Protein backbone atom coordinates (compact mmCIF):
# COMPACT_ATOMS: atom_id res chain seq x y z
CA MET A 1 -90.91 1.22 48.71
CA ILE A 2 -91.40 -2.18 47.06
CA MET A 3 -88.31 -4.35 46.57
CA MET A 4 -87.84 -7.62 44.70
CA GLN A 5 -84.64 -9.58 45.35
CA ALA A 6 -83.20 -12.88 44.19
CA VAL A 7 -82.55 -15.17 47.17
CA ILE A 8 -81.51 -18.73 47.90
CA GLU A 9 -82.18 -20.66 51.10
CA VAL A 10 -79.03 -21.55 53.02
CA PRO A 11 -78.80 -25.35 53.43
CA MET A 12 -77.29 -27.38 56.26
CA LEU A 13 -73.54 -27.39 55.58
CA ASP A 14 -72.09 -28.61 58.88
CA GLY A 15 -71.62 -32.21 57.76
CA GLU A 16 -68.58 -33.88 56.22
CA PRO A 17 -66.85 -32.98 54.06
CA ALA A 18 -66.93 -29.26 54.72
CA PRO A 19 -67.01 -26.86 51.74
CA PRO A 20 -63.48 -26.64 50.28
CA TRP A 21 -63.45 -22.83 50.49
CA PRO A 22 -64.53 -20.20 53.06
CA VAL A 23 -68.29 -19.62 53.33
CA GLU A 24 -70.30 -17.09 55.27
CA PRO A 25 -71.51 -18.69 58.54
CA SER A 26 -75.21 -18.15 57.87
CA PRO A 27 -77.71 -20.33 59.75
CA PRO A 28 -79.56 -23.03 57.76
CA GLY A 29 -82.95 -21.79 56.61
CA SER A 30 -81.81 -18.18 56.33
CA TRP A 31 -81.78 -16.35 53.02
CA LEU A 32 -78.80 -15.25 50.96
CA VAL A 33 -79.51 -12.24 48.73
CA LEU A 34 -77.67 -12.36 45.39
CA HIS A 35 -76.28 -9.10 44.04
CA ALA A 36 -73.09 -7.47 42.78
CA GLY A 37 -71.86 -6.67 46.28
CA CYS A 38 -71.69 -10.25 47.56
CA THR A 39 -68.47 -11.01 49.41
CA ASP A 40 -66.26 -13.97 48.56
CA GLU A 41 -67.68 -15.82 51.58
CA GLN A 42 -71.25 -15.18 50.42
CA THR A 43 -70.41 -16.24 46.87
CA GLY A 44 -68.69 -19.33 48.22
CA LEU A 45 -71.84 -20.08 50.21
CA PHE A 46 -73.90 -19.94 47.00
CA VAL A 47 -71.58 -22.39 45.22
CA ALA A 48 -71.54 -24.65 48.29
CA ALA A 49 -75.36 -24.62 48.30
CA LEU A 50 -75.36 -25.77 44.67
CA ALA A 51 -72.86 -28.53 45.45
CA ASN A 52 -74.77 -29.62 48.54
CA ARG A 53 -77.32 -31.34 46.29
CA ILE A 54 -74.89 -33.55 44.38
CA ASP A 55 -72.42 -36.34 45.02
CA VAL A 56 -68.76 -35.45 44.73
CA MET A 57 -66.08 -38.06 44.16
CA PRO A 58 -63.25 -38.22 46.72
CA PRO A 59 -61.16 -36.40 47.73
CA GLY A 60 -63.90 -33.77 47.37
CA GLY A 61 -61.55 -30.84 47.06
CA ARG A 62 -62.14 -27.57 45.29
CA ASP A 63 -61.52 -28.85 41.75
CA GLU A 64 -63.56 -32.01 42.27
CA VAL A 65 -66.55 -30.04 43.56
CA VAL A 66 -66.50 -27.64 40.62
CA ASP A 67 -66.05 -30.51 38.15
CA ALA A 68 -69.08 -32.22 39.67
CA LEU A 69 -71.13 -29.05 39.26
CA LEU A 70 -70.05 -28.72 35.64
CA ALA A 71 -71.03 -32.32 34.97
CA GLU A 72 -74.61 -31.83 36.18
CA GLU A 73 -77.33 -31.66 33.54
CA LEU A 74 -79.29 -29.16 35.62
CA LEU A 75 -78.34 -26.93 38.53
CA ILE A 76 -81.09 -25.87 40.92
CA ALA A 77 -81.18 -23.80 44.09
CA THR A 78 -83.99 -23.59 46.62
CA GLY A 79 -85.17 -20.00 46.62
CA GLY A 80 -86.70 -17.52 44.23
CA LEU A 81 -87.69 -13.89 44.59
CA ARG A 82 -88.37 -12.12 47.87
CA VAL A 83 -90.92 -9.31 47.68
CA SER A 84 -90.73 -6.66 50.39
CA ASP A 85 -92.55 -3.48 51.33
CA ALA A 86 -89.99 -1.43 53.25
CA ARG A 87 -92.63 1.09 54.25
CA VAL A 88 -94.52 -1.38 56.43
CA GLY A 89 -91.68 -3.87 56.99
CA THR A 90 -93.42 -6.84 55.37
CA SER A 91 -91.79 -9.49 53.18
CA VAL A 92 -93.11 -12.50 51.29
CA MET A 93 -90.60 -15.32 50.92
CA PRO A 94 -90.45 -18.18 48.40
CA GLY A 95 -92.30 -21.29 49.52
CA CYS A 96 -90.97 -24.82 49.96
CA CYS A 97 -89.59 -26.38 46.76
CA SER A 98 -89.57 -23.05 44.93
CA GLY A 99 -86.40 -22.65 42.89
CA LEU A 100 -84.33 -19.67 41.84
CA GLU A 101 -84.14 -21.24 38.39
CA ASP A 102 -87.81 -20.30 37.89
CA TRP A 103 -87.46 -16.60 38.77
CA ARG A 104 -88.60 -15.51 35.29
CA ASP A 105 -92.05 -17.01 35.94
CA TRP A 106 -92.74 -13.83 37.88
CA ALA A 107 -93.46 -12.19 34.49
CA GLN A 108 -96.64 -14.27 34.12
CA PRO A 109 -98.93 -11.75 35.90
CA LEU A 110 -98.20 -9.33 33.05
CA THR A 111 -100.31 -11.55 30.79
CA GLY A 112 -102.94 -12.55 33.34
CA GLY A 113 -101.16 -15.61 34.73
CA SER A 114 -99.75 -16.38 38.13
CA PRO A 115 -96.34 -17.86 38.98
CA TRP A 116 -95.99 -20.94 41.14
CA LEU A 117 -94.14 -19.74 44.25
CA GLY A 118 -93.81 -23.00 46.14
CA HIS A 119 -95.91 -24.65 48.82
CA ASP A 120 -95.99 -24.83 52.62
CA PRO A 121 -97.26 -22.22 53.25
CA GLY A 122 -98.00 -21.68 49.55
CA PRO A 123 -97.34 -18.07 48.50
CA GLU A 124 -99.74 -16.87 45.81
CA VAL A 125 -100.38 -13.80 43.68
CA GLU A 126 -103.89 -12.37 43.61
CA ALA A 127 -104.86 -9.82 40.94
CA ILE A 128 -106.91 -6.95 42.37
CA GLY A 129 -107.68 -4.50 39.57
CA ASP A 130 -104.40 -2.91 38.52
CA ALA A 131 -102.59 -4.22 41.60
CA LEU A 132 -100.96 -7.52 42.51
CA ARG A 133 -101.34 -8.75 46.06
CA VAL A 134 -98.63 -11.25 46.97
CA TRP A 135 -99.77 -13.45 49.84
CA GLN A 136 -97.32 -15.34 52.01
CA ASP A 137 -99.87 -18.00 52.91
CA GLY A 138 -102.23 -19.13 50.19
CA GLY A 139 -102.72 -22.61 51.63
CA PRO A 140 -103.91 -23.78 55.03
CA ASN A 141 -104.69 -20.31 56.35
CA ARG A 142 -107.37 -19.62 53.75
CA HIS A 143 -110.62 -18.59 55.39
CA ARG A 144 -113.87 -19.15 53.52
CA GLY A 145 -112.13 -19.26 50.16
CA ARG A 146 -109.97 -16.20 50.78
CA TRP A 147 -106.33 -15.82 51.71
CA ALA A 148 -105.20 -14.87 55.19
CA GLY A 149 -102.04 -13.62 56.84
CA HIS A 150 -99.63 -10.97 55.61
CA TYR A 151 -99.10 -9.78 52.07
CA VAL A 152 -97.34 -7.22 49.91
CA ASP A 153 -99.22 -5.06 47.38
CA LEU A 154 -97.53 -3.79 44.25
CA PRO A 155 -98.90 -1.99 41.19
CA ARG A 156 -98.88 -4.31 38.19
CA ARG A 157 -97.21 -1.57 36.11
CA THR A 158 -94.12 -1.71 38.38
CA LEU A 159 -93.50 -5.42 37.79
CA PRO A 160 -91.35 -4.97 34.64
CA GLN A 161 -89.11 -2.51 36.46
CA LEU A 162 -88.81 -4.81 39.47
CA LEU A 163 -87.90 -7.81 37.33
CA THR A 164 -85.39 -5.77 35.36
CA GLY A 165 -83.82 -4.86 38.69
CA VAL A 166 -83.66 -8.54 39.67
CA GLN A 167 -81.90 -9.37 36.43
CA ARG A 168 -79.45 -6.52 36.98
CA ASP A 169 -78.68 -7.88 40.46
CA LEU A 170 -78.15 -11.39 39.08
CA VAL A 171 -75.87 -10.13 36.33
CA GLY A 172 -73.92 -8.30 39.02
CA PHE A 173 -73.75 -11.51 41.02
CA LEU A 174 -72.22 -13.26 38.01
CA ASP A 175 -69.45 -10.66 38.19
CA SER A 176 -68.99 -11.50 41.87
CA LEU A 177 -68.87 -15.20 40.99
CA SER A 178 -66.29 -14.54 38.29
CA GLY A 179 -64.10 -12.57 40.69
CA TRP A 180 -64.44 -15.26 43.36
CA ALA A 181 -63.45 -17.97 40.88
CA THR A 182 -60.39 -15.97 39.81
CA ARG A 183 -59.26 -15.39 43.38
CA CYS A 184 -59.77 -19.11 44.10
CA GLY A 185 -57.44 -19.94 41.24
CA LEU A 186 -60.05 -21.96 39.35
CA GLY A 187 -58.86 -20.82 35.94
CA GLN A 188 -60.84 -22.38 33.08
CA ARG A 189 -63.04 -24.23 35.56
CA GLY A 190 -64.11 -20.89 37.02
CA ARG A 191 -65.01 -19.44 33.64
CA ALA A 192 -66.99 -22.57 32.83
CA LEU A 193 -68.78 -22.34 36.20
CA VAL A 194 -69.88 -18.77 35.50
CA ARG A 195 -71.26 -19.80 32.11
CA THR A 196 -73.04 -22.79 33.64
CA VAL A 197 -74.67 -20.72 36.39
CA ASP A 198 -75.73 -18.13 33.82
CA GLN A 199 -77.34 -20.78 31.62
CA ASN A 200 -79.03 -22.78 34.37
CA PHE A 201 -80.54 -19.74 36.07
CA ALA A 202 -81.33 -17.89 32.82
CA ILE A 203 -79.57 -14.74 33.96
CA THR A 204 -78.31 -12.81 30.94
CA ALA A 205 -80.78 -14.05 28.31
CA PRO A 206 -83.25 -11.38 27.14
CA LEU A 207 -86.11 -10.88 29.59
CA ASP A 208 -89.59 -11.11 28.04
CA LEU A 209 -91.78 -8.52 29.74
CA SER A 210 -94.46 -8.29 27.08
CA THR A 211 -98.06 -7.81 28.15
CA ASP A 212 -99.69 -9.55 25.18
């Protein structure tokens, strides 16, 4: 069974100041999967990861952090889409500097293109007939012009369904974010944060899965 999931990389959050709300104690460098079932601590971790990239004016409390996020021209999150083959237990993760904000680029193979999935080790998509082979390492482990290491194969025809599933998970995560914001007492700030995340990560906009 092939799975495609939206993920962000958990940053280092043990500095000062600490996030002004509870977050899941996930180790830096691990991956947070975004979906409708995220707990408040997982959702808080996502928002803390967004805020970790920006400067927040003192006192750096809850409202100040959210205001700083809302003031940003562009929100980004290290991550992207994880592709897994549950049958063989293999996963391909986003590469360094890949961003969740570019998740829609995964539609490019439908028209003969290939998404940029980050570098180090440089995941790449190779078209093999009617299949797409997603390599974890398309960079330094190439051998005589070919890729090496582990990969996940998926039929090209399944890509629209997989991406539709990713969008459904992200829309569900927006619901989790909305509920978290309400329980945090963010009021109008919370509603604005949900809209901003939706816009910056292109979540609810129509998904172009054309093959022309």
